[in-house]
Amino acid sequence: MVEQWVRAGSVELWSEVLGEDGGAPVLLVMGANAPAHGWPDEFVALLVAGGCRVVRYDHRDTGRSTKTEAGDYGMGDLARDAVAVLDAHGVERAHVVGMFS
């Protein structure tokens, strides 16, 4: 596991990567108001065991990431955050799995 802080504009996002460097990249995007560790450990372990390189992160205002004033960002900002996380981990393309709460 590799933990990394990622700068995305004015915020810092906590992220981690699990699995081998050569594995198929999978970005796990947790629903609003839930941190990255909301993904069940068993699910993440299955992805890693299946040869995936799993990237997950805490959204703005969740977990260890920067807290902001409510309503001062939109979906475009959240998409740019996801790209910044992938870029920071050297991932050019990834499968994206999302959970909405």
Protein backbone atom coordinates (compact mmCIF):
# COMPACT_ATOMS: atom_id res chain seq x y z
CA MET A 1 0.00 0.00 0.00
CA VAL A 2 1.22 3.47 -0.89
CA GLU A 3 -0.39 6.51 0.74
CA GLN A 4 0.01 9.92 -0.86
CA TRP A 5 -1.30 13.44 -0.40
CA VAL A 6 -2.41 14.99 -3.69
CA ARG A 7 -2.74 18.71 -4.35
CA ALA A 8 -5.82 19.51 -6.47
CA GLY A 9 -6.18 23.27 -6.83
CA SER A 10 -6.64 24.65 -3.34
CA VAL A 11 -7.27 21.32 -1.62
CA GLU A 12 -5.18 18.37 -0.51
CA LEU A 13 -6.65 14.91 -1.01
CA TRP A 14 -5.57 11.80 0.86
CA SER A 15 -5.14 8.81 -1.43
CA GLU A 16 -3.75 5.30 -1.50
CA VAL A 17 -2.84 2.65 -4.03
CA LEU A 18 -3.02 -1.08 -3.40
CA GLY A 19 -1.78 -3.82 -5.71
CA GLU A 20 1.07 -4.24 -8.14
CA ASP A 21 2.29 -1.46 -10.44
CA GLY A 22 1.48 -3.47 -13.57
CA GLY A 23 -2.08 -4.29 -12.52
CA ALA A 24 -5.15 -2.97 -14.32
CA PRO A 25 -5.89 0.42 -12.69
CA VAL A 26 -9.24 0.76 -10.93
CA LEU A 27 -10.30 4.09 -9.39
CA LEU A 28 -12.78 3.67 -6.55
CA VAL A 29 -14.93 6.77 -6.12
CA MET A 30 -16.96 6.69 -2.92
CA GLY A 31 -20.30 8.48 -2.70
CA ALA A 32 -20.70 11.93 -1.21
CA ASN A 33 -19.95 12.35 2.48
CA ALA A 34 -18.13 9.02 2.74
CA PRO A 35 -14.36 8.45 2.99
CA ALA A 36 -12.34 6.04 0.84
CA HIS A 37 -12.32 3.41 3.57
CA GLY A 38 -16.08 3.10 3.09
CA TRP A 39 -15.25 0.53 0.41
CA PRO A 40 -15.46 -2.93 2.01
CA ASP A 41 -11.99 -4.38 2.63
CA GLU A 42 -13.15 -7.71 1.18
CA PHE A 43 -14.09 -6.01 -2.11
CA VAL A 44 -10.77 -4.17 -2.35
CA ALA A 45 -8.88 -7.39 -1.53
CA LEU A 46 -10.73 -9.25 -4.29
CA LEU A 47 -9.78 -6.56 -6.82
CA VAL A 48 -6.13 -6.71 -5.76
CA ALA A 49 -6.12 -10.53 -5.79
CA GLY A 50 -7.56 -10.37 -9.30
CA GLY A 51 -4.57 -8.38 -10.50
CA CYS A 52 -5.94 -4.86 -10.20
CA ARG A 53 -4.06 -1.79 -9.02
CA VAL A 54 -6.66 -0.08 -6.81
CA VAL A 55 -6.61 3.68 -6.29
CA ARG A 56 -8.95 5.24 -3.75
CA TYR A 57 -9.08 8.64 -2.10
CA ASP A 58 -11.02 10.83 0.31
CA HIS A 59 -13.15 13.42 -1.47
CA ARG A 60 -13.04 17.05 -0.41
CA ASP A 61 -14.81 17.37 2.92
CA THR A 62 -14.40 13.69 3.79
CA GLY A 63 -11.89 11.64 5.74
CA ARG A 64 -8.45 13.18 5.87
CA SER A 65 -8.86 15.49 2.87
CA THR A 66 -9.24 19.27 3.05
CA LYS A 67 -12.47 20.58 4.51
CA THR A 68 -14.04 23.39 2.47
CA GLU A 69 -16.99 25.68 2.82
CA ALA A 70 -20.20 23.93 1.79
CA GLY A 71 -21.34 24.66 -1.72
CA ASP A 72 -18.13 26.26 -3.00
CA TYR A 73 -17.41 23.51 -5.57
CA GLY A 74 -19.25 21.51 -8.18
CA MET A 75 -19.08 18.27 -10.13
CA GLY A 76 -16.38 19.67 -12.42
CA ASP A 77 -14.14 20.27 -9.41
CA LEU A 78 -14.75 16.74 -8.16
CA ALA A 79 -13.89 15.33 -11.60
CA ARG A 80 -10.67 17.38 -11.67
CA ASP A 81 -9.85 16.02 -8.20
CA ALA A 82 -10.19 12.44 -9.49
CA VAL A 83 -7.88 13.21 -12.43
CA ALA A 84 -5.35 14.83 -10.08
CA VAL A 85 -5.31 11.69 -7.94
CA LEU A 86 -4.75 9.46 -10.97
CA ASP A 87 -2.04 11.78 -12.30
CA ALA A 88 -0.25 11.81 -8.94
CA HIS A 89 -0.10 8.02 -8.98
CA GLY A 90 1.08 7.87 -12.59
CA VAL A 91 -2.16 6.39 -13.90
CA GLU A 92 -3.07 7.52 -17.41
CA ARG A 93 -6.31 5.51 -17.72
CA ALA A 94 -8.40 3.58 -15.23
CA HIS A 95 -11.61 1.68 -14.83
CA VAL A 96 -13.87 3.75 -12.59
CA VAL A 97 -16.15 2.20 -10.00
CA GLY A 98 -18.47 4.52 -8.13
CA MET A 99 -20.80 4.20 -5.18
CA PHE A 100 -23.49 6.74 -4.57
CA SER A 101 -24.98 7.22 -1.16
